[in-house]
Full PDB file with SEQRES, HELIX, SHEET, SSBOND, CRYST1, ORIGX, SCALE, CONECT and MASTER records, all heavy atoms in Angstrom:
SEQRES   1 A   39  ASN VAL GLY GLY GLU LYS ARG GLU VAL ALA VAL ALA PRO          
SEQRES   2 A   39  ALA ALA LEU ALA PRO THR LEU ALA THR ASP TYR THR ASP          
SEQRES   3 A   39  ALA GLU GLN TYR ALA ILE VAL ARG PRO ILE ASN ASP PHE          
HELIX    1 AA1 LEU A   16  ASP A   23  1                                   8    
CRYST1    1.000    1.000    1.000  90.00  90.00  90.00 P 1           1          
ORIGX1      1.000000  0.000000  0.000000        0.00000                         
ORIGX2      0.000000  1.000000  0.000000        0.00000                         
ORIGX3      0.000000  0.000000  1.000000        0.00000                         
SCALE1      1.000000  0.000000  0.000000        0.00000                         
SCALE2      0.000000  1.000000  0.000000        0.00000                         
SCALE3      0.000000  0.000000  1.000000        0.00000                         
ATOM      1  N   ASN A   1     185.064  48.556 -29.118  1.00  0.00           N  
ATOM      2  CA  ASN A   1     186.012  47.486 -28.818  1.00  0.00           C  
ATOM      3  C   ASN A   1     185.243  46.313 -28.232  1.00  0.00           C  
ATOM      4  O   ASN A   1     184.726  46.386 -27.122  1.00  0.00           O  
ATOM      5  CB  ASN A   1     187.069  47.988 -27.816  1.00  0.00           C  
ATOM      6  CG  ASN A   1     188.248  47.032 -27.719  1.00  0.00           C  
ATOM      7  OD1 ASN A   1     188.104  45.830 -27.949  1.00  0.00           O  
ATOM      8  ND2 ASN A   1     189.405  47.552 -27.379  1.00  0.00           N  
ATOM      9  N   VAL A   2     185.149  45.235 -29.007  1.00  0.00           N  
ATOM     10  CA  VAL A   2     184.424  44.043 -28.567  1.00  0.00           C  
ATOM     11  C   VAL A   2     185.335  42.841 -28.759  1.00  0.00           C  
ATOM     12  O   VAL A   2     185.811  42.588 -29.865  1.00  0.00           O  
ATOM     13  CB  VAL A   2     183.115  43.843 -29.364  1.00  0.00           C  
ATOM     14  CG1 VAL A   2     182.411  42.569 -28.908  1.00  0.00           C  
ATOM     15  CG2 VAL A   2     182.202  45.046 -29.198  1.00  0.00           C  
ATOM     16  N   GLY A   3     185.562  42.104 -27.682  1.00  0.00           N  
ATOM     17  CA  GLY A   3     186.387  40.897 -27.758  1.00  0.00           C  
ATOM     18  C   GLY A   3     187.808  41.179 -28.216  1.00  0.00           C  
ATOM     19  O   GLY A   3     188.413  40.352 -28.900  1.00  0.00           O  
ATOM     20  N   GLY A   4     188.319  42.339 -27.863  1.00  0.00           N  
ATOM     21  CA  GLY A   4     189.680  42.691 -28.249  1.00  0.00           C  
ATOM     22  C   GLY A   4     189.810  43.229 -29.662  1.00  0.00           C  
ATOM     23  O   GLY A   4     190.899  43.607 -30.095  1.00  0.00           O  
ATOM     24  N   GLU A   5     188.692  43.273 -30.417  1.00  0.00           N  
ATOM     25  CA  GLU A   5     188.722  43.803 -31.778  1.00  0.00           C  
ATOM     26  C   GLU A   5     188.141  45.212 -31.780  1.00  0.00           C  
ATOM     27  O   GLU A   5     186.987  45.424 -31.402  1.00  0.00           O  
ATOM     28  CB  GLU A   5     187.921  42.904 -32.721  1.00  0.00           C  
ATOM     29  CG  GLU A   5     187.924  43.389 -34.165  1.00  0.00           C  
ATOM     30  CD  GLU A   5     187.095  42.507 -35.077  1.00  0.00           C  
ATOM     31  OE1 GLU A   5     186.629  41.450 -34.612  1.00  0.00           O  
ATOM     32  OE2 GLU A   5     186.899  42.883 -36.242  1.00  0.00           O  
ATOM     33  N   LYS A   6     188.951  46.139 -32.215  1.00  0.00           N  
ATOM     34  CA  LYS A   6     188.519  47.540 -32.211  1.00  0.00           C  
ATOM     35  C   LYS A   6     188.117  47.972 -33.611  1.00  0.00           C  
ATOM     36  O   LYS A   6     188.811  47.704 -34.584  1.00  0.00           O  
ATOM     37  CB  LYS A   6     189.652  48.443 -31.704  1.00  0.00           C  
ATOM     38  CG  LYS A   6     189.262  49.916 -31.626  1.00  0.00           C  
ATOM     39  CD  LYS A   6     190.401  50.759 -31.080  1.00  0.00           C  
ATOM     40  CE  LYS A   6     190.021  52.232 -31.027  1.00  0.00           C  
ATOM     41  NZ  LYS A   6     191.129  53.084 -30.497  1.00  0.00           N  
ATOM     42  N   ARG A   7     186.962  48.629 -33.688  1.00  0.00           N  
ATOM     43  CA  ARG A   7     186.492  49.166 -34.966  1.00  0.00           C  
ATOM     44  C   ARG A   7     186.170  50.648 -34.786  1.00  0.00           C  
ATOM     45  O   ARG A   7     185.543  51.052 -33.808  1.00  0.00           O  
ATOM     46  CB  ARG A   7     185.244  48.434 -35.458  1.00  0.00           C  
ATOM     47  CG  ARG A   7     185.477  46.984 -35.813  1.00  0.00           C  
ATOM     48  CD  ARG A   7     184.293  46.426 -36.565  1.00  0.00           C  
ATOM     49  NE  ARG A   7     184.147  47.019 -37.898  1.00  0.00           N  
ATOM     50  CZ  ARG A   7     183.154  46.713 -38.727  1.00  0.00           C  
ATOM     51  NH1 ARG A   7     182.213  45.853 -38.351  1.00  0.00           N  
ATOM     52  NH2 ARG A   7     183.092  47.260 -39.906  1.00  0.00           N  
ATOM     53  N   GLU A   8     186.632  51.413 -35.743  1.00  0.00           N  
ATOM     54  CA  GLU A   8     186.322  52.842 -35.757  1.00  0.00           C  
ATOM     55  C   GLU A   8     185.220  53.060 -36.784  1.00  0.00           C  
ATOM     56  O   GLU A   8     185.413  52.826 -37.978  1.00  0.00           O  
ATOM     57  CB  GLU A   8     187.562  53.652 -36.131  1.00  0.00           C  
ATOM     58  CG  GLU A   8     188.695  53.504 -35.130  1.00  0.00           C  
ATOM     59  CD  GLU A   8     189.930  54.286 -35.545  1.00  0.00           C  
ATOM     60  OE1 GLU A   8     189.999  54.733 -36.715  1.00  0.00           O  
ATOM     61  OE2 GLU A   8     190.820  54.464 -34.693  1.00  0.00           O  
ATOM     62  N   VAL A   9     184.056  53.489 -36.319  1.00  0.00           N  
ATOM     63  CA  VAL A   9     182.898  53.627 -37.193  1.00  0.00           C  
ATOM     64  C   VAL A   9     182.422  55.078 -37.205  1.00  0.00           C  
ATOM     65  O   VAL A   9     182.619  55.826 -36.245  1.00  0.00           O  
ATOM     66  CB  VAL A   9     181.751  52.688 -36.759  1.00  0.00           C  
ATOM     67  CG1 VAL A   9     182.173  51.233 -36.901  1.00  0.00           C  
ATOM     68  CG2 VAL A   9     181.309  52.998 -35.338  1.00  0.00           C  
ATOM     69  N   ALA A  10     181.808  55.438 -38.328  1.00  0.00           N  
ATOM     70  CA  ALA A  10     181.312  56.813 -38.485  1.00  0.00           C  
ATOM     71  C   ALA A  10     179.866  56.950 -38.053  1.00  0.00           C  
ATOM     72  O   ALA A  10     179.283  58.022 -38.206  1.00  0.00           O  
ATOM     73  CB  ALA A  10     181.460  57.246 -39.941  1.00  0.00           C  
ATOM     74  N   VAL A  11     179.290  55.883 -37.529  1.00  0.00           N  
ATOM     75  CA  VAL A  11     177.873  55.880 -37.160  1.00  0.00           C  
ATOM     76  C   VAL A  11     177.719  55.743 -35.653  1.00  0.00           C  
ATOM     77  O   VAL A  11     178.688  55.474 -34.928  1.00  0.00           O  
ATOM     78  CB  VAL A  11     177.133  54.736 -37.883  1.00  0.00           C  
ATOM     79  CG1 VAL A  11     177.067  55.011 -39.373  1.00  0.00           C  
ATOM     80  CG2 VAL A  11     177.813  53.389 -37.614  1.00  0.00           C  
ATOM     81  N   ALA A  12     176.484  55.909 -35.183  1.00  0.00           N  
ATOM     82  CA  ALA A  12     176.175  55.832 -33.765  1.00  0.00           C  
ATOM     83  C   ALA A  12     174.690  55.509 -33.629  1.00  0.00           C  
ATOM     84  O   ALA A  12     173.951  55.515 -34.622  1.00  0.00           O  
ATOM     85  CB  ALA A  12     176.523  57.146 -33.071  1.00  0.00           C  
ATOM     86  N   PRO A  13     174.212  55.227 -32.417  1.00  0.00           N  
ATOM     87  CA  PRO A  13     172.783  54.951 -32.246  1.00  0.00           C  
ATOM     88  C   PRO A  13     171.910  56.108 -32.713  1.00  0.00           C  
ATOM     89  O   PRO A  13     172.275  57.287 -32.551  1.00  0.00           O  
ATOM     90  CB  PRO A  13     172.654  54.737 -30.735  1.00  0.00           C  
ATOM     91  CG  PRO A  13     174.000  54.270 -30.302  1.00  0.00           C  
ATOM     92  CD  PRO A  13     174.967  54.998 -31.163  1.00  0.00           C  
ATOM     93  N   ALA A  14     170.752  55.791 -33.272  1.00  0.00           N  
ATOM     94  CA  ALA A  14     169.867  56.817 -33.805  1.00  0.00           C  
ATOM     95  C   ALA A  14     169.404  57.794 -32.734  1.00  0.00           C  
ATOM     96  O   ALA A  14     169.141  58.970 -33.025  1.00  0.00           O  
ATOM     97  CB  ALA A  14     168.655  56.156 -34.466  1.00  0.00           C  
ATOM     98  N   ALA A  15     169.304  57.325 -31.482  1.00  0.00           N  
ATOM     99  CA  ALA A  15     168.783  58.174 -30.408  1.00  0.00           C  
ATOM    100  C   ALA A  15     169.821  59.117 -29.827  1.00  0.00           C  
ATOM    101  O   ALA A  15     169.477  59.992 -29.020  1.00  0.00           O  
ATOM    102  CB  ALA A  15     168.203  57.300 -29.295  1.00  0.00           C  
ATOM    103  N   LEU A  16     171.081  58.971 -30.228  1.00  0.00           N  
ATOM    104  CA  LEU A  16     172.142  59.750 -29.591  1.00  0.00           C  
ATOM    105  C   LEU A  16     171.962  61.250 -29.792  1.00  0.00           C  
ATOM    106  O   LEU A  16     171.890  62.025 -28.823  1.00  0.00           O  
ATOM    107  CB  LEU A  16     173.506  59.302 -30.135  1.00  0.00           C  
ATOM    108  CG  LEU A  16     174.709  60.120 -29.643  1.00  0.00           C  
ATOM    109  CD1 LEU A  16     174.823  60.050 -28.122  1.00  0.00           C  
ATOM    110  CD2 LEU A  16     175.993  59.639 -30.305  1.00  0.00           C  
ATOM    111  N   ALA A  17     171.913  61.694 -31.029  1.00  0.00           N  
ATOM    112  CA  ALA A  17     171.818  63.129 -31.311  1.00  0.00           C  
ATOM    113  C   ALA A  17     170.523  63.736 -30.770  1.00  0.00           C  
ATOM    114  O   ALA A  17     170.553  64.815 -30.164  1.00  0.00           O  
ATOM    115  CB  ALA A  17     171.970  63.385 -32.805  1.00  0.00           C  
ATOM    116  N   PRO A  18     169.339  63.078 -30.952  1.00  0.00           N  
ATOM    117  CA  PRO A  18     168.121  63.638 -30.368  1.00  0.00           C  
ATOM    118  C   PRO A  18     168.191  63.777 -28.850  1.00  0.00           C  
ATOM    119  O   PRO A  18     167.697  64.756 -28.287  1.00  0.00           O  
ATOM    120  CB  PRO A  18     167.040  62.629 -30.785  1.00  0.00           C  
ATOM    121  CG  PRO A  18     167.569  62.000 -32.027  1.00  0.00           C  
ATOM    122  CD  PRO A  18     169.058  61.926 -31.820  1.00  0.00           C  
ATOM    123  N   THR A  19     168.821  62.798 -28.193  1.00  0.00           N  
ATOM    124  CA  THR A  19     168.960  62.871 -26.739  1.00  0.00           C  
ATOM    125  C   THR A  19     169.852  64.040 -26.331  1.00  0.00           C  
ATOM    126  O   THR A  19     169.551  64.766 -25.374  1.00  0.00           O  
ATOM    127  CB  THR A  19     169.542  61.552 -26.199  1.00  0.00           C  
ATOM    128  OG1 THR A  19     168.676  60.472 -26.536  1.00  0.00           O  
ATOM    129  CG2 THR A  19     169.707  61.610 -24.690  1.00  0.00           C  
ATOM    130  N   LEU A  20     170.921  64.229 -27.060  1.00  0.00           N  
ATOM    131  CA  LEU A  20     171.807  65.353 -26.767  1.00  0.00           C  
ATOM    132  C   LEU A  20     171.081  66.682 -26.946  1.00  0.00           C  
ATOM    133  O   LEU A  20     171.226  67.609 -26.135  1.00  0.00           O  
ATOM    134  CB  LEU A  20     173.031  65.301 -27.684  1.00  0.00           C  
ATOM    135  CG  LEU A  20     174.081  64.248 -27.357  1.00  0.00           C  
ATOM    136  CD1 LEU A  20     175.074  64.105 -28.512  1.00  0.00           C  
ATOM    137  CD2 LEU A  20     174.823  64.610 -26.071  1.00  0.00           C  
ATOM    138  N   ALA A  21     170.278  66.784 -28.007  1.00  0.00           N  
ATOM    139  CA  ALA A  21     169.552  68.030 -28.254  1.00  0.00           C  
ATOM    140  C   ALA A  21     168.531  68.314 -27.165  1.00  0.00           C  
ATOM    141  O   ALA A  21     168.226  69.477 -26.882  1.00  0.00           O  
ATOM    142  CB  ALA A  21     168.871  67.967 -29.611  1.00  0.00           C  
ATOM    143  N   THR A  22     168.023  67.253 -26.550  1.00  0.00           N  
ATOM    144  CA  THR A  22     167.018  67.423 -25.493  1.00  0.00           C  
ATOM    145  C   THR A  22     167.652  67.690 -24.133  1.00  0.00           C  
ATOM    146  O   THR A  22     167.202  68.568 -23.380  1.00  0.00           O  
ATOM    147  CB  THR A  22     166.123  66.169 -25.400  1.00  0.00           C  
ATOM    148  OG1 THR A  22     165.494  65.937 -26.664  1.00  0.00           O  
ATOM    149  CG2 THR A  22     165.060  66.336 -24.324  1.00  0.00           C  
ATOM    150  N   ASP A  23     168.714  66.939 -23.810  1.00  0.00           N  
ATOM    151  CA  ASP A  23     169.271  66.980 -22.459  1.00  0.00           C  
ATOM    152  C   ASP A  23     170.489  67.890 -22.308  1.00  0.00           C  
ATOM    153  O   ASP A  23     170.854  68.257 -21.197  1.00  0.00           O  
ATOM    154  CB  ASP A  23     169.673  65.557 -22.029  1.00  0.00           C  
ATOM    155  CG  ASP A  23     168.479  64.612 -22.019  1.00  0.00           C  
ATOM    156  OD1 ASP A  23     167.333  65.111 -22.000  1.00  0.00           O  
ATOM    157  OD2 ASP A  23     168.698  63.385 -22.049  1.00  0.00           O  
ATOM    158  N   TYR A  24     171.133  68.241 -23.397  1.00  0.00           N  
ATOM    159  CA  TYR A  24     172.386  69.005 -23.332  1.00  0.00           C  
ATOM    160  C   TYR A  24     172.093  70.440 -23.751  1.00  0.00           C  
ATOM    161  O   TYR A  24     171.714  70.706 -24.896  1.00  0.00           O  
ATOM    162  CB  TYR A  24     173.419  68.354 -24.254  1.00  0.00           C  
ATOM    163  CG  TYR A  24     174.741  69.069 -24.360  1.00  0.00           C  
ATOM    164  CD1 TYR A  24     175.411  69.552 -23.241  1.00  0.00           C  
ATOM    165  CD2 TYR A  24     175.333  69.253 -25.610  1.00  0.00           C  
ATOM    166  CE1 TYR A  24     176.614  70.193 -23.359  1.00  0.00           C  
ATOM    167  CE2 TYR A  24     176.552  69.887 -25.741  1.00  0.00           C  
ATOM    168  CZ  TYR A  24     177.189  70.363 -24.605  1.00  0.00           C  
ATOM    169  OH  TYR A  24     178.392  71.008 -24.728  1.00  0.00           O  
ATOM    170  N   THR A  25     172.248  71.362 -22.827  1.00  0.00           N  
ATOM    171  CA  THR A  25     171.821  72.750 -23.063  1.00  0.00           C  
ATOM    172  C   THR A  25     172.619  73.437 -24.165  1.00  0.00           C  
ATOM    173  O   THR A  25     172.128  74.376 -24.791  1.00  0.00           O  
ATOM    174  CB  THR A  25     171.955  73.575 -21.769  1.00  0.00           C  
ATOM    175  OG1 THR A  25     173.309  73.500 -21.296  1.00  0.00           O  
ATOM    176  CG2 THR A  25     171.009  73.056 -20.697  1.00  0.00           C  
ATOM    177  N   ASP A  26     173.847  72.987 -24.415  1.00  0.00           N  
ATOM    178  CA  ASP A  26     174.666  73.627 -25.443  1.00  0.00           C  
ATOM    179  C   ASP A  26     174.422  73.051 -26.834  1.00  0.00           C  
ATOM    180  O   ASP A  26     175.061  73.469 -27.800  1.00  0.00           O  
ATOM    181  CB  ASP A  26     176.156  73.498 -25.103  1.00  0.00           C  
ATOM    182  CG  ASP A  26     176.564  74.505 -24.033  1.00  0.00           C  
ATOM    183  OD1 ASP A  26     175.810  75.474 -23.837  1.00  0.00           O  
ATOM    184  OD2 ASP A  26     177.631  74.327 -23.416  1.00  0.00           O  
ATOM    185  N   ALA A  27     173.505  72.096 -26.950  1.00  0.00           N  
ATOM    186  CA  ALA A  27     173.154  71.545 -28.263  1.00  0.00           C  
ATOM    187  C   ALA A  27     171.944  72.308 -28.793  1.00  0.00           C  
ATOM    188  O   ALA A  27     170.836  72.201 -28.256  1.00  0.00           O  
ATOM    189  CB  ALA A  27     172.856  70.054 -28.163  1.00  0.00           C  
ATOM    190  N   GLU A  28     172.160  73.075 -29.839  1.00  0.00           N  
ATOM    191  CA  GLU A  28     171.079  73.897 -30.385  1.00  0.00           C  
ATOM    192  C   GLU A  28     170.107  73.071 -31.218  1.00  0.00           C  
ATOM    193  O   GLU A  28     168.897  73.304 -31.184  1.00  0.00           O  
ATOM    194  CB  GLU A  28     171.693  75.014 -31.232  1.00  0.00           C  
ATOM    195  CG  GLU A  28     170.705  76.014 -31.795  1.00  0.00           C  
ATOM    196  CD  GLU A  28     171.390  77.149 -32.518  1.00  0.00           C  
ATOM    197  OE1 GLU A  28     172.363  77.712 -31.969  1.00  0.00           O  
ATOM    198  OE2 GLU A  28     170.964  77.474 -33.645  1.00  0.00           O  
ATOM    199  N   GLN A  29     170.624  72.113 -31.995  1.00  0.00           N  
ATOM    200  CA  GLN A  29     169.778  71.282 -32.851  1.00  0.00           C  
ATOM    201  C   GLN A  29     170.557  70.028 -33.225  1.00  0.00           C  
ATOM    202  O   GLN A  29     171.769  69.940 -33.007  1.00  0.00           O  
ATOM    203  CB  GLN A  29     169.371  72.051 -34.102  1.00  0.00           C  
ATOM    204  CG  GLN A  29     168.292  71.411 -34.942  1.00  0.00           C  
ATOM    205  CD  GLN A  29     167.029  71.038 -34.175  1.00  0.00           C  
ATOM    206  OE1 GLN A  29     167.001  69.972 -33.551  1.00  0.00           O  
ATOM    207  NE2 GLN A  29     166.016  71.899 -34.237  1.00  0.00           N  
ATOM    208  N   TYR A  30     169.856  69.067 -33.794  1.00  0.00           N  
ATOM    209  CA  TYR A  30     170.488  67.811 -34.193  1.00  0.00           C  
ATOM    210  C   TYR A  30     169.988  67.405 -35.569  1.00  0.00           C  
ATOM    211  O   TYR A  30     168.985  67.919 -36.084  1.00  0.00           O  
ATOM    212  CB  TYR A  30     170.168  66.695 -33.198  1.00  0.00           C  
ATOM    213  CG  TYR A  30     168.784  66.103 -33.398  1.00  0.00           C  
ATOM    214  CD1 TYR A  30     168.590  64.977 -34.199  1.00  0.00           C  
ATOM    215  CD2 TYR A  30     167.661  66.700 -32.813  1.00  0.00           C  
ATOM    216  CE1 TYR A  30     167.327  64.458 -34.409  1.00  0.00           C  
ATOM    217  CE2 TYR A  30     166.395  66.196 -33.019  1.00  0.00           C  
ATOM    218  CZ  TYR A  30     166.227  65.074 -33.822  1.00  0.00           C  
ATOM    219  OH  TYR A  30     164.974  64.566 -34.043  1.00  0.00           O  
ATOM    220  N   ALA A  31     170.674  66.455 -36.180  1.00  0.00           N  
ATOM    221  CA  ALA A  31     170.217  65.822 -37.417  1.00  0.00           C  
ATOM    222  C   ALA A  31     170.803  64.424 -37.468  1.00  0.00           C  
ATOM    223  O   ALA A  31     171.963  64.217 -37.087  1.00  0.00           O  
ATOM    224  CB  ALA A  31     170.639  66.622 -38.649  1.00  0.00           C  
ATOM    225  N   ILE A  32     169.991  63.468 -37.903  1.00  0.00           N  
ATOM    226  CA  ILE A  32     170.504  62.121 -38.137  1.00  0.00           C  
ATOM    227  C   ILE A  32     170.242  61.767 -39.604  1.00  0.00           C  
ATOM    228  O   ILE A  32     169.205  62.114 -40.169  1.00  0.00           O  
ATOM    229  CB  ILE A  32     169.892  61.065 -37.192  1.00  0.00           C  
ATOM    230  CG1 ILE A  32     168.365  61.007 -37.328  1.00  0.00           C  
ATOM    231  CG2 ILE A  32     170.285  61.351 -35.751  1.00  0.00           C  
ATOM    232  CD1 ILE A  32     167.732  59.868 -36.529  1.00  0.00           C  
ATOM    233  N   VAL A  33     171.207  61.077 -40.197  1.00  0.00           N  
ATOM    234  CA  VAL A  33     171.173  60.788 -41.629  1.00  0.00           C  
ATOM    235  C   VAL A  33     171.618  59.345 -41.852  1.00  0.00           C  
ATOM    236  O   VAL A  33     172.511  58.844 -41.159  1.00  0.00           O  
ATOM    237  CB  VAL A  33     172.105  61.754 -42.405  1.00  0.00           C  
ATOM    238  CG1 VAL A  33     172.169  61.369 -43.874  1.00  0.00           C  
ATOM    239  CG2 VAL A  33     171.631  63.188 -42.253  1.00  0.00           C  
ATOM    240  N   ARG A  34     170.991  58.702 -42.853  1.00  0.00           N  
ATOM    241  CA  ARG A  34     171.369  57.328 -43.195  1.00  0.00           C  
ATOM    242  C   ARG A  34     171.226  57.151 -44.699  1.00  0.00           C  
ATOM    243  O   ARG A  34     170.190  57.508 -45.275  1.00  0.00           O  
ATOM    244  CB  ARG A  34     170.472  56.341 -42.450  1.00  0.00           C  
ATOM    245  CG  ARG A  34     170.725  54.881 -42.792  1.00  0.00           C  
ATOM    246  CD  ARG A  34     169.846  53.994 -41.942  1.00  0.00           C  
ATOM    247  NE  ARG A  34     169.959  52.596 -42.326  1.00  0.00           N  
ATOM    248  CZ  ARG A  34     169.365  51.587 -41.670  1.00  0.00           C  
ATOM    249  NH1 ARG A  34     168.623  51.848 -40.605  1.00  0.00           N  
ATOM    250  NH2 ARG A  34     169.510  50.354 -42.062  1.00  0.00           N  
ATOM    251  N   PRO A  35     172.235  56.620 -45.372  1.00  0.00           N  
ATOM    252  CA  PRO A  35     172.134  56.463 -46.833  1.00  0.00           C  
ATOM    253  C   PRO A  35     171.181  55.353 -47.228  1.00  0.00           C  
ATOM    254  O   PRO A  35     171.031  54.349 -46.529  1.00  0.00           O  
ATOM    255  CB  PRO A  35     173.573  56.118 -47.239  1.00  0.00           C  
ATOM    256  CG  PRO A  35     174.170  55.487 -46.022  1.00  0.00           C  
ATOM    257  CD  PRO A  35     173.538  56.162 -44.846  1.00  0.00           C  
ATOM    258  N   ILE A  36     170.492  55.538 -48.363  1.00  0.00           N  
ATOM    259  CA  ILE A  36     169.684  54.484 -48.975  1.00  0.00           C  
ATOM    260  C   ILE A  36     170.500  53.941 -50.139  1.00  0.00           C  
ATOM    261  O   ILE A  36     170.663  54.608 -51.164  1.00  0.00           O  
ATOM    262  CB  ILE A  36     168.331  55.028 -49.466  1.00  0.00           C  
ATOM    263  CG1 ILE A  36     167.593  55.723 -48.317  1.00  0.00           C  
ATOM    264  CG2 ILE A  36     167.489  53.908 -50.056  1.00  0.00           C  
ATOM    265  CD1 ILE A  36     166.268  56.347 -48.723  1.00  0.00           C  
ATOM    266  N   ASN A  37     171.035  52.770 -49.966  1.00  0.00           N  
ATOM    267  CA  ASN A  37     172.022  52.255 -50.925  1.00  0.00           C  
ATOM    268  C   ASN A  37     171.429  51.942 -52.295  1.00  0.00           C  
ATOM    269  O   ASN A  37     172.068  52.167 -53.318  1.00  0.00           O  
ATOM    270  CB  ASN A  37     172.694  51.007 -50.351  1.00  0.00           C  
ATOM    271  CG  ASN A  37     173.519  51.333 -49.111  1.00  0.00           C  
ATOM    272  OD1 ASN A  37     174.133  52.392 -49.041  1.00  0.00           O  
ATOM    273  ND2 ASN A  37     173.517  50.435 -48.133  1.00  0.00           N  
ATOM    274  N   ASP A  38     170.228  51.399 -52.328  1.00  0.00           N  
ATOM    275  CA  ASP A  38     169.618  51.024 -53.616  1.00  0.00           C  
ATOM    276  C   ASP A  38     168.258  51.707 -53.723  1.00  0.00           C  
ATOM    277  O   ASP A  38     167.224  51.136 -53.366  1.00  0.00           O  
ATOM    278  CB  ASP A  38     169.454  49.504 -53.715  1.00  0.00           C  
ATOM    279  CG  ASP A  38     170.793  48.789 -53.692  1.00  0.00           C  
ATOM    280  OD1 ASP A  38     171.653  49.146 -54.522  1.00  0.00           O  
ATOM    281  OD2 ASP A  38     170.974  47.904 -52.851  1.00  0.00           O  
ATOM    282  N   PHE A  39     168.291  52.935 -54.217  1.00  0.00           N  
ATOM    283  CA  PHE A  39     167.055  53.675 -54.392  1.00  0.00           C  
ATOM    284  C   PHE A  39     166.762  53.739 -55.888  1.00  0.00           C  
ATOM    285  O   PHE A  39     167.390  54.494 -56.635  1.00  0.00           O  
ATOM    286  CB  PHE A  39     167.183  55.090 -53.816  1.00  0.00           C  
ATOM    287  CG  PHE A  39     165.867  55.808 -53.706  1.00  0.00           C  
ATOM    288  CD1 PHE A  39     165.064  55.647 -52.594  1.00  0.00           C  
ATOM    289  CD2 PHE A  39     165.439  56.660 -54.720  1.00  0.00           C  
ATOM    290  CE1 PHE A  39     163.845  56.315 -52.489  1.00  0.00           C  
ATOM    291  CE2 PHE A  39     164.228  57.320 -54.629  1.00  0.00           C  
ATOM    292  CZ  PHE A  39     163.431  57.155 -53.507  1.00  0.00           C  
TER     293      PHE A  39                                                      
MASTER        0    0    0    1    0    0    0    6  292    1    0    3          
END                                                                             
């Protein structure tokens, strides 16, 4: 929510999942994925 405009997105910062896997004891493993649109 920025400037009163709310967006629901399926993405997040790249460091989020790795940080959770390192700092959160209940996280067994992580994976981050990003599509390559024009391969």
